[in-house]
Amino acid sequence: MGIEIGTAAAKPGAVTRGELRVGSMADGSPIVLPVFIASGRADGPTVWLEGCIHGEEYGGAASIINFMRKVDPVTLRGTVIGVPVANPPSFNFRSRVSSIDGANLNRIFPGSPGGSYSFQLAAVLGEQLGKHANYLIDLHSGGIGAEVPFYVIYKDDGSDSVAEAKRLAKRVGCDTLWRAKEGQGLGSTVTAEALRRGIPSVTVECGGGTFTPRHLSDYLVSIESFLKAVEVLPGEAPVQESYTIISDGAFLHNREGGLFVQECKVADILPKGGLIGRLINLHGDTVEEIRSPYADAYIAALRCHYYPVHSGEIVAEAIPVESREAL
């Protein structure tokens, strides 16, 4: 049987597109997911490629649209399903959380058909993944008010799919891997749901703030490299000379409001106590310093330079280096 997702139906040697209805607004207008399906003429695995599970992280949507509109399906062995926007109520308001129920969709899987809207959407996404996908790539960024380096996350939940997820993470074109453990509160993400269903998955993080040509290039490298690693695209996936493995990090919150001034760059590795950034008031006085709580802390996210923040927001993310290893 061919793949059908809503009004999108796979056709060998072609890229088709359509929509999957996932609810409706109070005025009756439908909530739909845009869907691309690129199918090769030869059999192979199915890769689910999605963006904007956090609606303000629009670089993933832009990259999926670019890839799906340019890919030559004749070169594929298998199928690529592209969902540029997985969370329309979040995307439409350029928000990390849903405009309907305020929930963070990427923290509530497996969801529930009888729950609030985001729980219903999570249940639909999980069902579609389980029905169609052999692999998952989930694209993220720092959003509108923050930036992240180009790195990849794989979940380590002790399941049989972890080894394959790590293998794939080492082949998406970057040299830093976050080994995310279940105990870090990430067991309710879409990639954790994929692993529970036996679907190896990775999360690609890249950019934020303004979407640049470099960000687009990095995303496309990660997509194409992943597809080569699972043999959907021809060619060899890139490997790095060495890999930095990070784990057990934390979001850092400010106590004083003001403008956030960066004192390091994303992907820097700081010693314990190293200065990450400062909060200044509207007279330019420093009212708080944000410092690394760990030795060898990889700076995985920073608020944009001079971005205004209230007390208690996330201003940075620091993750200790766990190890360095070869392929």
Protein backbone atom coordinates (compact mmCIF):
# COMPACT_ATOMS: atom_id res chain seq x y z
CA MET A 1 0.00 0.00 0.00
CA GLY A 2 1.25 3.50 -0.82
CA ILE A 3 1.72 6.15 1.82
CA GLU A 4 -1.24 8.49 2.30
CA ILE A 5 -1.23 11.31 4.86
CA GLY A 6 -4.36 13.41 4.69
CA THR A 7 -4.67 14.62 1.10
CA ALA A 8 -1.00 13.83 0.30
CA ALA A 9 -0.46 10.51 -1.46
CA ALA A 10 2.92 9.09 -2.43
CA LYS A 11 3.69 8.60 -6.12
CA PRO A 12 6.88 6.75 -7.16
CA GLY A 13 9.41 9.09 -8.77
CA ALA A 14 7.53 12.25 -7.74
CA VAL A 15 7.13 14.82 -4.98
CA THR A 16 3.50 15.18 -3.95
CA ARG A 17 1.97 17.46 -1.38
CA GLY A 18 -1.23 17.95 0.59
CA GLU A 19 -2.58 18.63 4.06
CA LEU A 20 -3.45 16.63 7.15
CA ARG A 21 -6.38 18.05 9.13
CA VAL A 22 -5.59 18.05 12.87
CA GLY A 23 -8.45 20.07 14.33
CA SER A 24 -10.35 23.32 13.88
CA MET A 25 -10.61 26.79 15.35
CA ALA A 26 -13.67 28.26 17.04
CA ASP A 27 -14.86 29.76 13.74
CA GLY A 28 -14.65 26.37 12.05
CA SER A 29 -11.51 27.07 10.03
CA PRO A 30 -9.40 23.90 9.83
CA ILE A 31 -6.03 23.40 11.51
CA VAL A 32 -3.86 21.54 9.01
CA LEU A 33 -0.31 20.27 8.72
CA PRO A 34 1.37 20.88 5.34
CA VAL A 35 2.80 17.62 4.02
CA PHE A 36 5.32 16.80 1.28
CA ILE A 37 6.01 13.22 0.20
CA ALA A 38 9.05 12.55 -2.00
CA SER A 39 9.15 8.96 -3.24
CA GLY A 40 11.87 7.18 -5.13
CA ARG A 41 11.19 4.47 -7.68
CA ALA A 42 13.25 1.98 -5.65
CA ASP A 43 12.16 0.53 -2.32
CA GLY A 44 13.80 1.79 0.84
CA PRO A 45 13.10 3.22 4.30
CA THR A 46 10.81 6.15 5.08
CA VAL A 47 12.28 9.20 6.80
CA TRP A 48 9.98 11.64 8.61
CA LEU A 49 11.39 15.17 8.51
CA GLU A 50 9.66 17.80 10.63
CA GLY A 51 10.07 21.39 11.79
CA CYS A 52 8.30 23.97 13.93
CA ILE A 53 7.16 21.70 16.73
CA HIS A 54 8.13 24.93 18.50
CA GLY A 55 6.48 27.54 16.30
CA GLU A 56 9.06 30.31 16.66
CA GLU A 57 11.85 28.02 15.43
CA TYR A 58 11.04 28.68 11.80
CA GLY A 59 14.44 27.84 10.33
CA GLY A 60 13.43 24.20 10.25
CA ALA A 61 10.33 25.00 8.19
CA ALA A 62 12.34 27.09 5.73
CA SER A 63 14.90 24.30 5.33
CA ILE A 64 12.33 21.55 4.79
CA ILE A 65 10.54 23.64 2.16
CA ASN A 66 13.85 24.32 0.40
CA PHE A 67 14.86 20.66 0.46
CA MET A 68 11.51 19.22 -0.63
CA ARG A 69 11.09 21.66 -3.51
CA LYS A 70 14.58 20.91 -4.89
CA VAL A 71 15.06 17.19 -4.25
CA ASP A 72 15.08 14.95 -7.31
CA PRO A 73 12.91 12.00 -6.25
CA VAL A 74 14.45 9.80 -8.93
CA THR A 75 17.65 9.79 -6.84
CA LEU A 76 15.85 8.44 -3.77
CA ARG A 77 15.68 4.87 -2.58
CA GLY A 78 12.66 5.02 -0.33
CA THR A 79 10.57 7.96 0.84
CA VAL A 80 10.99 11.30 2.59
CA ILE A 81 7.96 12.79 4.36
CA GLY A 82 8.40 16.49 5.04
CA VAL A 83 6.22 18.35 7.56
CA PRO A 84 7.51 21.96 7.69
CA VAL A 85 5.14 23.03 10.48
CA ALA A 86 4.17 20.38 13.02
CA ASN A 87 2.46 22.82 15.41
CA PRO A 88 0.28 25.40 13.58
CA PRO A 89 -1.21 27.10 16.68
CA SER A 90 2.33 27.77 17.92
CA PHE A 91 3.69 28.76 14.50
CA ASN A 92 0.89 31.21 13.70
CA PHE A 93 1.71 33.27 16.78
CA ARG A 94 5.51 32.87 16.50
CA SER A 95 5.51 31.25 19.94
CA ARG A 96 7.25 28.29 21.60
CA VAL A 97 3.95 27.20 23.13
CA SER A 98 0.45 26.74 21.74
CA SER A 99 -1.88 29.71 21.35
CA ILE A 100 -4.80 27.40 22.19
CA ASP A 101 -3.82 25.77 25.48
CA GLY A 102 -0.39 27.21 26.33
CA ALA A 103 1.23 23.77 26.24
CA ASN A 104 4.74 22.98 25.00
CA LEU A 105 4.01 20.29 22.40
CA ASN A 106 7.52 18.87 22.64
CA ARG A 107 7.10 18.03 26.32
CA ILE A 108 3.79 16.13 26.33
CA PHE A 109 4.20 13.01 24.14
CA PRO A 110 2.58 10.54 23.76
CA GLY A 111 -0.31 12.96 24.19
CA SER A 112 -3.94 11.93 24.54
CA PRO A 113 -6.93 12.00 22.15
CA GLY A 114 -9.06 13.18 25.08
CA GLY A 115 -6.71 15.87 26.36
CA SER A 116 -6.34 19.57 25.61
CA TYR A 117 -5.57 20.48 22.00
CA SER A 118 -1.78 20.05 22.16
CA PHE A 119 -2.22 16.59 23.72
CA GLN A 120 -4.58 15.69 20.87
CA LEU A 121 -2.02 16.93 18.31
CA ALA A 122 0.77 14.93 19.99
CA ALA A 123 -1.37 11.80 19.76
CA VAL A 124 -1.95 12.37 16.03
CA LEU A 125 1.75 12.97 15.36
CA GLY A 126 2.72 9.84 17.29
CA GLU A 127 0.16 7.79 15.38
CA GLN A 128 1.43 9.05 12.00
CA LEU A 129 5.05 8.39 12.98
CA GLY A 130 4.25 4.88 14.09
CA LYS A 131 2.29 4.19 10.91
CA HIS A 132 4.78 5.53 8.36
CA ALA A 133 8.27 6.31 9.67
CA ASN A 134 11.42 4.22 9.92
CA TYR A 135 13.53 7.24 10.94
CA LEU A 136 12.88 10.75 12.28
CA ILE A 137 14.78 14.04 11.97
CA ASP A 138 13.41 16.83 14.19
CA LEU A 139 14.68 20.35 13.36
CA HIS A 140 15.03 23.03 16.06
CA SER A 141 16.72 26.38 16.64
CA GLY A 142 17.09 28.99 19.36
CA GLY A 143 13.86 30.65 18.25
CA ILE A 144 13.37 34.38 17.80
CA GLY A 145 15.13 35.59 20.93
CA ALA A 146 18.04 33.18 21.28
CA GLU A 147 20.71 31.44 19.24
CA VAL A 148 22.22 27.98 19.36
CA PRO A 149 25.24 26.41 17.62
CA PHE A 150 24.95 23.68 15.01
CA TYR A 151 24.83 20.46 17.01
CA VAL A 152 22.78 17.28 17.27
CA ILE A 153 20.87 15.55 20.07
CA TYR A 154 20.20 11.85 20.44
CA LYS A 155 18.20 10.30 23.25
CA ASP A 156 19.79 7.62 25.40
CA ASP A 157 16.90 5.78 26.99
CA GLY A 158 18.61 2.40 27.07
CA SER A 159 16.49 1.04 24.22
CA ASP A 160 17.69 -0.98 21.24
CA SER A 161 17.33 2.06 18.96
CA VAL A 162 19.92 4.16 20.82
CA ALA A 163 23.00 2.72 19.10
CA GLU A 164 21.53 3.47 15.68
CA ALA A 165 20.47 6.96 16.77
CA LYS A 166 24.02 7.69 17.95
CA ARG A 167 25.47 6.33 14.70
CA LEU A 168 23.22 8.65 12.73
CA ALA A 169 23.98 11.61 15.01
CA LYS A 170 27.65 11.23 14.11
CA ARG A 171 26.82 11.54 10.42
CA VAL A 172 24.78 14.73 10.16
CA GLY A 173 27.74 17.02 9.54
CA CYS A 174 28.56 18.42 13.00
CA ASP A 175 31.02 17.34 15.68
CA THR A 176 29.07 17.93 18.92
CA LEU A 177 26.50 15.42 20.20
CA TRP A 178 24.25 15.90 23.20
CA ARG A 179 23.53 12.53 24.80
CA ALA A 180 20.17 13.33 26.38
CA LYS A 181 19.13 11.00 29.17
CA GLU A 182 15.56 10.21 30.19
CA GLY A 183 16.22 11.76 33.59
CA GLN A 184 16.82 15.16 32.00
CA GLY A 185 13.08 15.67 31.47
CA LEU A 186 13.22 14.85 27.77
CA GLY A 187 11.20 11.64 27.88
CA SER A 188 8.09 13.41 26.58
CA THR A 189 9.57 14.82 23.36
CA VAL A 190 8.70 13.67 19.86
CA THR A 191 12.08 11.96 19.50
CA ALA A 192 11.52 10.08 22.76
CA GLU A 193 8.14 9.00 21.42
CA ALA A 194 9.83 7.83 18.22
CA LEU A 195 12.31 5.74 20.22
CA ARG A 196 9.46 4.18 22.21
CA ARG A 197 8.08 3.10 18.84
CA GLY A 198 11.47 1.70 17.77
CA ILE A 199 12.17 4.56 15.35
CA PRO A 200 15.78 5.87 15.53
CA SER A 201 15.74 9.65 15.66
CA VAL A 202 17.88 12.75 16.04
CA THR A 203 17.22 16.40 16.82
CA VAL A 204 19.24 18.98 14.89
CA GLU A 205 19.78 22.36 16.55
CA CYS A 206 20.90 25.32 14.45
CA GLY A 207 20.79 29.10 14.60
CA GLY A 208 18.02 31.31 15.91
CA GLY A 209 17.20 35.00 15.84
CA THR A 210 17.70 35.98 12.21
CA PHE A 211 17.69 33.06 9.77
CA THR A 212 20.87 33.30 7.69
CA PRO A 213 22.20 31.56 4.56
CA ARG A 214 24.71 29.76 6.82
CA HIS A 215 21.87 28.36 8.92
CA LEU A 216 20.09 27.13 5.78
CA SER A 217 23.32 25.52 4.58
CA ASP A 218 23.86 23.74 7.92
CA TYR A 219 20.28 22.44 8.02
CA LEU A 220 20.51 21.15 4.45
CA VAL A 221 23.83 19.46 5.20
CA SER A 222 22.23 17.69 8.16
CA ILE A 223 19.18 16.57 6.15
CA GLU A 224 21.17 15.32 3.17
CA SER A 225 23.80 13.66 5.36
CA PHE A 226 21.16 11.83 7.41
CA LEU A 227 19.47 10.59 4.24
CA LYS A 228 22.81 9.31 2.95
CA ALA A 229 23.47 7.58 6.28
CA VAL A 230 20.21 5.62 5.98
CA GLU A 231 20.82 5.04 2.25
CA VAL A 232 17.79 6.97 1.03
CA LEU A 233 20.13 9.31 -0.88
CA PRO A 234 23.21 7.98 -2.68
CA GLY A 235 26.68 8.87 -1.45
CA GLU A 236 28.66 8.75 1.77
CA ALA A 237 27.54 10.65 4.86
CA PRO A 238 30.32 12.86 6.28
CA VAL A 239 32.21 11.86 9.40
CA GLN A 240 34.31 14.09 11.67
CA GLU A 241 37.82 13.50 12.97
CA SER A 242 36.51 13.51 16.54
CA TYR A 243 33.29 14.16 18.44
CA THR A 244 32.54 16.06 21.63
CA ILE A 245 29.84 14.35 23.71
CA ILE A 246 27.93 16.59 26.10
CA SER A 247 25.33 15.62 28.72
CA ASP A 248 23.53 16.63 31.95
CA GLY A 249 23.20 20.36 31.30
CA ALA A 250 20.85 23.04 32.56
CA PHE A 251 19.02 26.15 31.47
CA LEU A 252 20.32 29.24 33.26
CA HIS A 253 17.84 31.83 34.51
CA ASN A 254 18.45 35.45 35.43
CA ARG A 255 17.27 37.04 38.67
CA GLU A 256 17.35 40.64 37.45
CA GLY A 257 15.62 41.98 34.36
CA GLY A 258 17.33 44.12 31.75
CA LEU A 259 19.17 43.76 28.45
CA PHE A 260 21.23 40.60 28.03
CA VAL A 261 24.80 41.25 26.90
CA GLN A 262 26.67 38.23 25.55
CA GLU A 263 30.20 37.76 26.94
CA CYS A 264 30.91 34.53 25.04
CA LYS A 265 29.72 32.80 21.90
CA VAL A 266 27.58 29.73 21.37
CA ALA A 267 29.70 26.56 21.18
CA ASP A 268 32.35 28.08 23.46
CA ILE A 269 33.55 25.74 26.22
CA LEU A 270 33.95 27.63 29.48
CA PRO A 271 35.52 26.78 32.84
CA LYS A 272 33.45 26.83 35.99
CA GLY A 273 32.75 30.46 36.82
CA GLY A 274 33.47 31.61 33.25
CA LEU A 275 31.45 34.67 32.28
CA ILE A 276 28.57 33.83 29.93
CA GLY A 277 26.77 37.15 29.89
CA ARG A 278 25.58 40.18 31.82
CA LEU A 279 22.30 41.90 32.50
CA ILE A 280 22.42 45.67 32.21
CA ASN A 281 19.74 48.15 33.19
CA LEU A 282 18.52 50.95 30.96
CA HIS A 283 21.29 53.24 32.18
CA GLY A 284 23.88 50.67 31.09
CA ASP A 285 24.86 49.53 34.59
CA THR A 286 25.58 45.81 35.11
CA VAL A 287 22.96 44.43 37.48
CA GLU A 288 23.81 40.72 37.23
CA GLU A 289 26.46 38.41 35.81
CA ILE A 290 25.64 34.95 34.45
CA ARG A 291 28.51 32.49 34.96
CA SER A 292 29.12 28.88 34.05
CA PRO A 293 28.01 26.47 36.80
CA TYR A 294 30.19 23.67 35.39
CA ALA A 295 33.74 22.94 34.37
CA ASP A 296 34.13 22.37 30.62
CA ALA A 297 30.66 23.75 29.94
CA TYR A 298 29.53 23.77 26.31
CA ILE A 299 27.40 26.86 25.70
CA ALA A 300 24.44 25.37 23.87
CA ALA A 301 22.22 28.47 23.80
CA LEU A 302 22.40 32.20 24.44
CA ARG A 303 19.86 34.98 24.46
CA CYS A 304 20.45 37.27 21.52
CA HIS A 305 22.81 40.20 22.12
CA TYR A 306 21.02 43.04 23.92
CA TYR A 307 17.75 41.11 23.98
CA PRO A 308 15.36 42.44 26.70
CA VAL A 309 14.51 39.88 29.38
CA HIS A 310 12.40 39.84 32.53
CA SER A 311 13.47 38.19 35.78
CA GLY A 312 13.49 34.40 35.63
CA GLU A 313 13.71 33.89 31.88
CA ILE A 314 16.09 31.48 30.19
CA VAL A 315 19.21 33.42 29.21
CA ALA A 316 21.60 30.56 28.41
CA GLU A 317 22.06 26.81 28.38
CA ALA A 318 25.27 25.18 29.60
CA ILE A 319 26.04 21.48 29.17
CA PRO A 320 29.18 19.79 30.58
CA VAL A 321 31.50 17.94 28.22
CA GLU A 322 31.18 14.24 29.05
CA SER A 323 33.79 12.80 26.69
CA ARG A 324 35.58 13.15 23.41
CA GLU A 325 35.66 10.22 21.03
CA ALA A 326 36.30 9.11 17.47
CA LEU A 327 33.75 7.67 15.08
